[in-house]
C-alpha atoms as a PDB file:
ATOM      1  CA  MET A   1       7.579  10.051  16.133  1.00  0.00           C
ATOM      2  CA  ASN A   2       6.391   6.695  17.467  1.00  0.00           C
ATOM      3  CA  CYS A   3       5.046   4.294  14.860  1.00  0.00           C
ATOM      4  CA  TYR A   4       2.824   1.269  15.526  1.00  0.00           C
ATOM      5  CA  PHE A   5       1.380  -1.489  13.322  1.00  0.00           C
ATOM      6  CA  LEU A   6      -2.253  -2.537  13.561  1.00  0.00           C
ATOM      7  CA  VAL A   7      -2.540  -5.780  11.602  1.00  0.00           C
ATOM      8  CA  LEU A   8      -5.894  -7.241  10.603  1.00  0.00           C
ATOM      9  CA  ALA A   9      -6.288 -11.009  10.257  1.00  0.00           C
ATOM     10  CA  ARG A  10      -9.494 -12.941   9.624  1.00  0.00           C
ATOM     11  CA  ASP A  11      -7.741 -16.153  10.667  1.00  0.00           C
ATOM     12  CA  LYS A  12      -4.297 -17.292  11.778  1.00  0.00           C
ATOM     13  CA  LYS A  13      -3.151 -18.576   8.396  1.00  0.00           C
ATOM     14  CA  HIS A  14      -0.545 -15.866   7.719  1.00  0.00           C
ATOM     15  CA  VAL A  15      -0.001 -14.499  11.211  1.00  0.00           C
ATOM     16  CA  GLU A  16       3.317 -16.148  12.066  1.00  0.00           C
ATOM     17  CA  LYS A  17       4.876 -15.057   8.785  1.00  0.00           C
ATOM     18  CA  LYS A  18       3.618 -11.510   9.304  1.00  0.00           C
ATOM     19  CA  ILE A  19       5.075 -11.411  12.831  1.00  0.00           C
ATOM     20  CA  GLU A  20       8.473 -12.373  11.404  1.00  0.00           C
ATOM     21  CA  GLU A  21       8.239  -9.541   8.900  1.00  0.00           C
ATOM     22  CA  LEU A  22       7.210  -6.928  11.471  1.00  0.00           C
ATOM     23  CA  SER A  23       9.898  -8.086  13.891  1.00  0.00           C
ATOM     24  CA  SER A  24      12.503  -7.437  11.194  1.00  0.00           C
ATOM     25  CA  LEU A  25      11.186  -3.877  10.839  1.00  0.00           C
ATOM     26  CA  LYS A  26      11.628  -3.415  14.599  1.00  0.00           C
ATOM     27  CA  ILE A  27       8.329  -1.593  14.955  1.00  0.00           C
ATOM     28  CA  PRO A  28       5.835  -2.585  17.666  1.00  0.00           C
ATOM     29  CA  TYR A  29       2.609  -4.167  16.511  1.00  0.00           C
ATOM     30  CA  LEU A  30      -0.730  -5.643  17.428  1.00  0.00           C
ATOM     31  CA  VAL A  31      -2.480  -8.334  15.379  1.00  0.00           C
ATOM     32  CA  VAL A  32      -6.265  -8.489  15.673  1.00  0.00           C
ATOM     33  CA  CYS A  33      -7.092 -12.063  14.685  1.00  0.00           C
ATOM     34  CA  GLY A  34     -10.391 -13.868  14.144  1.00  0.00           C
ATOM     35  CA  GLU A  35      -8.905 -17.057  15.604  1.00  0.00           C
ATOM     36  CA  ARG A  36      -7.298 -17.551  18.982  1.00  0.00           C
ATOM     37  CA  MET A  37      -3.498 -17.729  19.138  1.00  0.00           C
ATOM     38  CA  ASN A  38      -1.074 -18.004  22.004  1.00  0.00           C
ATOM     39  CA  HIS A  39       1.144 -15.015  21.246  1.00  0.00           C
ATOM     40  CA  PRO A  40       1.600 -11.750  23.210  1.00  0.00           C
ATOM     41  CA  GLY A  41       1.287  -9.651  20.063  1.00  0.00           C
ATOM     42  CA  VAL A  42      -2.019 -11.214  18.962  1.00  0.00           C
ATOM     43  CA  VAL A  43      -5.469 -10.470  20.365  1.00  0.00           C
ATOM     44  CA  TYR A  44      -8.631 -12.367  19.529  1.00  0.00           C
ATOM     45  CA  ARG A  45     -11.661 -10.657  18.072  1.00  0.00           C
ATOM     46  CA  GLU A  46     -14.452 -12.557  16.366  1.00  0.00           C
ATOM     47  CA  ALA A  47     -14.394 -11.717  12.655  1.00  0.00           C
ATOM     48  CA  ARG A  48     -17.098  -9.123  12.091  1.00  0.00           C
ATOM     49  CA  GLY A  49     -15.485  -7.114   9.321  1.00  0.00           C
ATOM     50  CA  LYS A  50     -12.338  -5.020   9.120  1.00  0.00           C
ATOM     51  CA  PHE A  51     -14.125  -1.907  10.349  1.00  0.00           C
ATOM     52  CA  ASP A  52     -14.884  -3.726  13.605  1.00  0.00           C
ATOM     53  CA  ALA A  53     -11.319  -5.035  13.951  1.00  0.00           C
ATOM     54  CA  ILE A  54     -10.011  -1.467  13.584  1.00  0.00           C
ATOM     55  CA  ASN A  55     -12.471  -0.119  16.149  1.00  0.00           C
ATOM     56  CA  PHE A  56     -11.447  -2.870  18.554  1.00  0.00           C
ATOM     57  CA  GLY A  57      -7.692  -2.784  17.955  1.00  0.00           C
ATOM     58  CA  ALA A  58      -7.375   1.001  18.091  1.00  0.00           C
ATOM     59  CA  LYS A  59      -8.468   0.956  21.736  1.00  0.00           C
ATOM     60  CA  LEU A  60      -5.427  -1.186  22.563  1.00  0.00           C
ATOM     61  CA  ILE A  61      -2.782   0.979  20.886  1.00  0.00           C
ATOM     62  CA  PRO A  62      -0.391   2.600  23.404  1.00  0.00           C
ATOM     63  CA  LYS A  63      -1.103   6.248  24.185  1.00  0.00           C
ATOM     64  CA  ASP A  64       2.350   7.455  23.099  1.00  0.00           C
ATOM     65  CA  VAL A  65       1.883   6.305  19.469  1.00  0.00           C
ATOM     66  CA  ASP A  66       1.894   9.103  16.867  1.00  0.00           C
ATOM     67  CA  ILE A  67       1.508   7.116  13.619  1.00  0.00           C
ATOM     68  CA  VAL A  68      -0.693   4.059  13.157  1.00  0.00           C
ATOM     69  CA  VAL A  69       0.118   1.788  10.214  1.00  0.00           C
ATOM     70  CA  MET A  70      -2.711  -0.512   9.197  1.00  0.00           C
ATOM     71  CA  ASN A  71      -1.656  -3.646   7.391  1.00  0.00           C
ATOM     72  CA  ASP A  72      -3.406  -6.756   6.101  1.00  0.00           C
ATOM     73  CA  VAL A  73      -1.908  -9.981   7.369  1.00  0.00           C
ATOM     74  CA  ASP A  74      -1.691 -11.670   3.943  1.00  0.00           C
ATOM     75  CA  THR A  75       0.768  -9.166   2.488  1.00  0.00           C
ATOM     76  CA  LYS A  76       4.496  -8.622   2.112  1.00  0.00           C
ATOM     77  CA  ILE A  77       5.629  -5.018   2.477  1.00  0.00           C
ATOM     78  CA  HIS A  78       8.227  -3.527   0.121  1.00  0.00           C
ATOM     79  CA  ASN A  79      10.059  -0.215   0.722  1.00  0.00           C
ATOM     80  CA  PHE A  80       8.375   0.553   4.019  1.00  0.00           C
ATOM     81  CA  SER A  81      11.039   3.100   4.978  1.00  0.00           C
ATOM     82  CA  ALA A  82      10.377   5.100   1.789  1.00  0.00           C
ATOM     83  CA  ALA A  83       6.715   5.484   2.730  1.00  0.00           C
ATOM     84  CA  LEU A  84       7.484   6.405   6.327  1.00  0.00           C
ATOM     85  CA  GLN A  85      10.025   9.022   5.247  1.00  0.00           C
ATOM     86  CA  GLU A  86       7.601  10.561   2.746  1.00  0.00           C
ATOM     87  CA  PHE A  87       4.794  10.567   5.297  1.00  0.00           C
ATOM     88  CA  MET A  88       6.939  12.491   7.767  1.00  0.00           C
ATOM     89  CA  ARG A  89       8.679  14.730   5.215  1.00  0.00           C
ATOM     90  CA  GLU A  90       5.439  15.846   3.591  1.00  0.00           C
ATOM     91  CA  LYS A  91       3.662  16.227   6.946  1.00  0.00           C
ATOM     92  CA  ALA A  92       0.774  14.153   5.669  1.00  0.00           C
ATOM     93  CA  THR A  93      -2.202  12.995   7.697  1.00  0.00           C
ATOM     94  CA  ILE A  94      -2.741   9.817   5.699  1.00  0.00           C
ATOM     95  CA  LEU A  95      -0.650   7.855   3.213  1.00  0.00           C
ATOM     96  CA  PHE A  96      -1.427   4.677   1.323  1.00  0.00           C
ATOM     97  CA  GLY A  97       0.672   2.580  -1.012  1.00  0.00           C
ATOM     98  CA  THR A  98      -0.218   0.478  -3.992  1.00  0.00           C
ATOM     99  CA  VAL A  99      -0.589  -3.269  -4.431  1.00  0.00           C
ATOM    100  CA  MET A 100       1.340  -5.764  -6.514  1.00  0.00           C
ATOM    101  CA  VAL A 101      -0.575  -8.854  -7.562  1.00  0.00           C
ATOM    102  CA  ARG A 102       1.608 -11.445  -9.235  1.00  0.00           C
ATOM    103  CA  GLU A 103      -1.177 -13.145 -11.181  1.00  0.00           C
ATOM    104  CA  GLY A 104      -4.819 -12.650 -12.027  1.00  0.00           C
ATOM    105  CA  PRO A 105      -6.973  -9.941 -13.639  1.00  0.00           C
ATOM    106  CA  GLN A 106      -6.209  -7.291 -11.019  1.00  0.00           C
ATOM    107  CA  ASN A 107      -2.775  -6.655 -12.544  1.00  0.00           C
ATOM    108  CA  MET A 108      -4.451  -4.750 -15.366  1.00  0.00           C
ATOM    109  CA  PHE A 109      -7.019  -3.132 -13.108  1.00  0.00           C
ATOM    110  CA  TYR A 110      -4.344  -1.567 -10.883  1.00  0.00           C
ATOM    111  CA  LEU A 111      -2.693  -0.025 -13.940  1.00  0.00           C
ATOM    112  CA  PHE A 112      -5.922   1.890 -14.617  1.00  0.00           C
ATOM    113  CA  GLN A 113      -6.714   2.677 -11.008  1.00  0.00           C
ATOM    114  CA  ASP A 114      -3.244   3.947 -10.121  1.00  0.00           C
ATOM    115  CA  LYS A 115      -3.218   6.279 -13.129  1.00  0.00           C
ATOM    116  CA  ILE A 116      -6.424   7.849 -11.829  1.00  0.00           C
ATOM    117  CA  ARG A 117      -5.193   7.995  -8.229  1.00  0.00           C
ATOM    118  CA  ARG A 118      -2.170  10.038  -9.233  1.00  0.00           C
ATOM    119  CA  ARG A 119      -4.663  12.823  -9.957  1.00  0.00           C
ATOM    120  CA  LEU A 120      -7.777  11.976  -7.958  1.00  0.00           C
ATOM    121  CA  TYR A 121      -8.131  10.006  -4.736  1.00  0.00           C
ATOM    122  CA  ILE A 122     -10.936   7.634  -5.681  1.00  0.00           C
ATOM    123  CA  ALA A 123      -9.952   4.817  -3.295  1.00  0.00           C
ATOM    124  CA  SER A 124      -7.413   3.918  -0.649  1.00  0.00           C
ATOM    125  CA  GLU A 125      -5.542   0.656   0.019  1.00  0.00           C
ATOM    126  CA  GLY A 126      -5.990  -1.057   3.364  1.00  0.00           C
ATOM    127  CA  GLU A 127      -3.078  -3.365   2.670  1.00  0.00           C
ATOM    128  CA  LEU A 128      -0.784  -0.610   3.954  1.00  0.00           C
ATOM    129  CA  LEU A 129      -2.165   2.653   5.270  1.00  0.00           C
ATOM    130  CA  PHE A 130      -0.425   5.252   7.463  1.00  0.00           C
ATOM    131  CA  ILE A 131      -2.517   7.657   9.514  1.00  0.00           C
ATOM    132  CA  LYS A 132      -1.792  10.087  12.307  1.00  0.00           C
ATOM    133  CA  ARG A 133      -3.068   8.746  15.592  1.00  0.00           C
ATOM    134  CA  LYS A 134      -4.793  12.011  16.446  1.00  0.00           C
ATOM    135  CA  MET A 135      -6.813  11.901  13.218  1.00  0.00           C
ATOM    136  CA  LEU A 136      -7.702   8.241  13.656  1.00  0.00           C
ATOM    137  CA  ASP A 137      -9.072   9.007  17.114  1.00  0.00           C
ATOM    138  CA  GLU A 138     -11.247  11.735  15.583  1.00  0.00           C
ATOM    139  CA  ILE A 139     -12.638   9.387  12.946  1.00  0.00           C
ATOM    140  CA  LEU A 140     -13.375   6.400  15.172  1.00  0.00           C
ATOM    141  CA  PRO A 141     -15.592   4.547  15.655  1.00  0.00           C
ATOM    142  CA  LEU A 142     -16.039   3.471  12.049  1.00  0.00           C
ATOM    143  CA  LYS A 143     -19.528   2.611  10.875  1.00  0.00           C
ATOM    144  CA  PRO A 144     -20.059  -0.788   9.203  1.00  0.00           C
ATOM    145  CA  CYS A 145     -18.407  -0.535   5.788  1.00  0.00           C
ATOM    146  CA  LYS A 146     -16.954  -3.021   3.305  1.00  0.00           C
ATOM    147  CA  ALA A 147     -14.402  -0.422   2.134  1.00  0.00           C
ATOM    148  CA  GLU A 148     -13.145   0.785   5.505  1.00  0.00           C
ATOM    149  CA  ASP A 149      -9.838   1.979   4.036  1.00  0.00           C
ATOM    150  CA  THR A 150     -11.569   4.298   1.577  1.00  0.00           C
ATOM    151  CA  TYR A 151     -13.994   5.379   4.300  1.00  0.00           C
ATOM    152  CA  ILE A 152     -10.986   6.507   6.373  1.00  0.00           C
ATOM    153  CA  LEU A 153      -9.424   8.294   3.391  1.00  0.00           C
ATOM    154  CA  PHE A 154     -12.630  10.157   2.593  1.00  0.00           C
ATOM    155  CA  LYS A 155     -13.001  11.238   6.230  1.00  0.00           C
ATOM    156  CA  VAL A 156      -9.471  12.668   6.174  1.00  0.00           C
ATOM    157  CA  LEU A 157     -10.187  14.522   2.926  1.00  0.00           C
ATOM    158  CA  GLU A 158     -13.477  15.779   4.333  1.00  0.00           C
ATOM    159  CA  LYS A 159     -11.498  17.421   7.127  1.00  0.00           C
ATOM    160  CA  LYS A 160      -9.211  19.086   4.519  1.00  0.00           C
ATOM    161  CA  ASN A 161      -6.123  17.176   5.625  1.00  0.00           C
ATOM    162  CA  LYS A 162      -3.249  16.076   3.405  1.00  0.00           C
ATOM    163  CA  ALA A 163      -3.294  12.647   1.767  1.00  0.00           C
ATOM    164  CA  ILE A 164      -0.510  10.963  -0.210  1.00  0.00           C
ATOM    165  CA  PHE A 165      -0.544   8.077  -2.662  1.00  0.00           C
ATOM    166  CA  CYS A 166       2.950   6.562  -2.403  1.00  0.00           C
ATOM    167  CA  GLU A 167       3.874   4.342  -5.325  1.00  0.00           C
ATOM    168  CA  ASP A 168       7.394   3.719  -4.040  1.00  0.00           C
ATOM    169  CA  CYS A 169       5.962   1.523  -1.300  1.00  0.00           C
ATOM    170  CA  TYR A 170       3.781  -1.424  -2.194  1.00  0.00           C
ATOM    171  CA  CYS A 171       2.354  -4.594  -0.741  1.00  0.00           C
ATOM    172  CA  GLU A 172       2.627  -7.913  -2.472  1.00  0.00           C
ATOM    173  CA  THR A 173      -0.452 -10.081  -2.065  1.00  0.00           C
ATOM    174  CA  GLU A 174      -2.772 -12.595  -3.720  1.00  0.00           C
ATOM    175  CA  ARG A 175      -6.094 -11.716  -5.226  1.00  0.00           C
ATOM    176  CA  THR A 176      -8.609 -13.267  -7.557  1.00  0.00           C
ATOM    177  CA  LYS A 177      -7.235 -15.698 -10.097  1.00  0.00           C
ATOM    178  CA  THR A 178     -10.147 -15.702 -12.562  1.00  0.00           C
ATOM    179  CA  ALA A 179     -12.351 -13.108 -14.200  1.00  0.00           C
ATOM    180  CA  GLN A 180     -15.484 -14.653 -12.667  1.00  0.00           C
ATOM    181  CA  LYS A 181     -14.112 -14.248  -9.139  1.00  0.00           C
ATOM    182  CA  GLU A 182     -13.151 -10.685  -9.989  1.00  0.00           C
ATOM    183  CA  GLU A 183     -16.821  -9.879 -10.473  1.00  0.00           C
ATOM    184  CA  MET A 184     -17.531 -10.856  -6.862  1.00  0.00           C
ATOM    185  CA  TYR A 185     -14.542  -8.862  -5.583  1.00  0.00           C
ATOM    186  CA  LYS A 186     -15.533  -5.729  -7.494  1.00  0.00           C
ATOM    187  CA  ARG A 187     -19.137  -6.082  -6.386  1.00  0.00           C
ATOM    188  CA  LYS A 188     -18.178  -5.981  -2.717  1.00  0.00           C
ATOM    189  CA  THR A 189     -15.559  -3.257  -3.140  1.00  0.00           C
ATOM    190  CA  VAL A 190     -17.847  -0.947  -5.086  1.00  0.00           C
ATOM    191  CA  ALA A 191     -20.737  -1.428  -2.662  1.00  0.00           C
ATOM    192  CA  GLY A 192     -18.328  -0.534   0.146  1.00  0.00           C
ATOM    193  CA  ILE A 193     -17.123   2.624  -1.569  1.00  0.00           C
ATOM    194  CA  TYR A 194     -20.685   3.869  -2.030  1.00  0.00           C
ATOM    195  CA  GLN A 195     -21.219   3.138   1.658  1.00  0.00           C
ATOM    196  CA  ALA A 196     -18.108   5.201   2.438  1.00  0.00           C
ATOM    197  CA  ILE A 197     -19.389   8.114   0.345  1.00  0.00           C
ATOM    198  CA  SER A 198     -22.707   8.038   2.217  1.00  0.00           C
ATOM    199  CA  TYR A 199     -20.860   8.359   5.547  1.00  0.00           C
ATOM    200  CA  THR A 200     -18.506  11.145   4.470  1.00  0.00           C
ATOM    201  CA  ASN A 201     -18.143  14.246   2.328  1.00  0.00           C
ATOM    202  CA  PRO A 202     -15.264  13.583  -0.101  1.00  0.00           C
ATOM    203  CA  PRO A 203     -14.073  16.183  -2.639  1.00  0.00           C
ATOM    204  CA  PRO A 204     -16.589  17.144  -5.365  1.00  0.00           C
ATOM    205  CA  LEU A 205     -14.590  15.523  -8.181  1.00  0.00           C
ATOM    206  CA  THR A 206     -14.560  12.232  -6.280  1.00  0.00           C
ATOM    207  CA  LYS A 207     -18.333  12.363  -5.856  1.00  0.00           C
ATOM    208  CA  ILE A 208     -18.767  13.181  -9.547  1.00  0.00           C
ATOM    209  CA  PHE A 209     -16.540  10.217 -10.472  1.00  0.00           C
ATOM    210  CA  TYR A 210     -18.737   7.791  -8.547  1.00  0.00           C
ATOM    211  CA  PHE A 211     -21.927   9.391  -9.818  1.00  0.00           C
ATOM    212  CA  LEU A 212     -20.736   8.710 -13.361  1.00  0.00           C
ATOM    213  CA  LEU A 213     -19.150   5.308 -12.700  1.00  0.00           C
ATOM    214  CA  PRO A 214     -22.270   3.143 -13.278  1.00  0.00           C
ATOM    215  CA  PHE A 215     -22.869   4.870 -16.595  1.00  0.00           C
ATOM    216  CA  LEU A 216     -19.242   4.753 -17.742  1.00  0.00           C
ATOM    217  CA  SER A 217     -18.367   1.242 -16.578  1.00  0.00           C
ATOM    218  CA  PRO A 218     -19.723  -0.433 -19.759  1.00  0.00           C
ATOM    219  CA  LEU A 219     -16.765   1.127 -21.561  1.00  0.00           C
ATOM    220  CA  LEU A 220     -14.683  -1.580 -19.871  1.00  0.00           C
ATOM    221  CA  LEU A 221     -16.367  -4.127 -22.147  1.00  0.00           C
ATOM    222  CA  VAL A 222     -13.802  -3.295 -24.833  1.00  0.00           C
ATOM    223  CA  LEU A 223     -11.256  -5.150 -22.663  1.00  0.00           C
ATOM    224  CA  GLY A 224     -12.981  -8.448 -23.317  1.00  0.00           C
ATOM    225  CA  ARG A 225     -13.649 -11.053 -20.645  1.00  0.00           C
ATOM    226  CA  LYS A 226     -11.967  -9.089 -17.822  1.00  0.00           C
ATOM    227  CA  GLY A 227     -13.856  -5.943 -18.722  1.00  0.00           C
ATOM    228  CA  TYR A 228     -17.149  -7.840 -18.823  1.00  0.00           C
ATOM    229  CA  TYR A 229     -16.786  -9.107 -15.265  1.00  0.00           C
ATOM    230  CA  TRP A 230     -15.438  -5.778 -14.006  1.00  0.00           C
ATOM    231  CA  THR A 231     -18.518  -4.079 -15.447  1.00  0.00           C
ATOM    232  CA  ARG A 232     -20.867  -6.633 -13.893  1.00  0.00           C
ATOM    233  CA  GLY A 233     -19.152  -6.305 -10.525  1.00  0.00           C
ATOM    234  CA  ILE A 234     -19.346  -2.503 -10.559  1.00  0.00           C
ATOM    235  CA  LEU A 235     -23.016  -2.454 -11.532  1.00  0.00           C
ATOM    236  CA  LEU A 236     -24.004  -5.172  -9.072  1.00  0.00           C
ATOM    237  CA  GLY A 237     -22.113  -3.423  -6.262  1.00  0.00           C
ATOM    238  CA  PHE A 238     -23.894  -0.158  -7.052  1.00  0.00           C
ATOM    239  CA  MET A 239     -27.252  -1.957  -7.084  1.00  0.00           C
ATOM    240  CA  ASP A 240     -26.454  -3.640  -3.742  1.00  0.00           C
ATOM    241  CA  TYR A 241     -25.901  -0.222  -2.223  1.00  0.00           C
ATOM    242  CA  LEU A 242     -29.120   1.178  -3.716  1.00  0.00           C
ATOM    243  CA  ARG A 243     -31.010  -1.807  -2.315  1.00  0.00           C
ATOM    244  CA  GLY A 244     -29.840  -0.908   1.172  1.00  0.00           C
ATOM    245  CA  ASP A 245     -26.681  -2.952   1.764  1.00  0.00           C
ATOM    246  CA  ARG A 246     -24.984  -1.331   4.743  1.00  0.00           C
ATOM    247  CA  SER A 247     -23.170  -4.418   5.998  1.00  0.00           C
ATOM    248  CA  GLY A 248     -19.496  -4.254   6.895  1.00  0.00           C
ATOM    249  CA  VAL A 249     -18.896  -7.979   6.594  1.00  0.00           C
ATOM    250  CA  TRP A 250     -16.253  -8.946   4.039  1.00  0.00           C
ATOM    251  CA  GLN A 251     -16.342 -12.613   3.108  1.00  0.00           C
ATOM    252  CA  THR A 252     -13.357 -13.975   1.138  1.00  0.00           C
ATOM    253  CA  SER A 253     -15.271 -16.479  -0.960  1.00  0.00           C
ATOM    254  CA  TYR A 254     -13.888 -14.835  -4.102  1.00  0.00           C
ATOM    255  CA  MET A 255     -10.532 -16.459  -3.235  1.00  0.00           C
ATOM    256  CA  ASP A 256     -11.988 -19.975  -3.021  1.00  0.00           C
END
């Protein structure tokens, strides 16, 4: 089966390093970049959100591609072959890996989230996401959404197709360094997930989880400072959605 990378880049900061990595994997790729670059594997698209970059880039993927692998430009992929083999062996429609953050409050958060995702698919990871081309074509175009990766996952589950959470494959990346910045990150992520739910029909247990999340999130306060900002971010993200936030724009000010 033919595999193809669709890489999303807000700017050109990490593009050259990512091209080196993908070249070593010997898999064809296309980088959709928010800044112009003189490279045959890079196309320019004004940054309007990842959902828009996917809609744009998917139109340029060769027709003979069977598997599309979405990847964020500011990541380093580990054990790619393990994920590809599992995807093909298990005849999955979508597969996503986990994330390794070397420093910052998200280290602890991923411990909790991954434990849940082993049993219930509450969120995807856009850092590295495999999807069958045929299914992606059915889902597109994506509506504006801050959590486009989870939107895609929920659409696949809505259609009763097989999803896999592969912990053997992970992406190394940087995230928020402080608890205060984590509040902003969680706010945008949570708002995006509620957007994704409104566009799709995920499994009942997933919908119940997010119905209960605003009421259960204060339990995170027992974790101290991190838990306080996680709780604030979750509640503010939920309130943003209730107030009508349907924007797909994802600013990275939380990394400043």
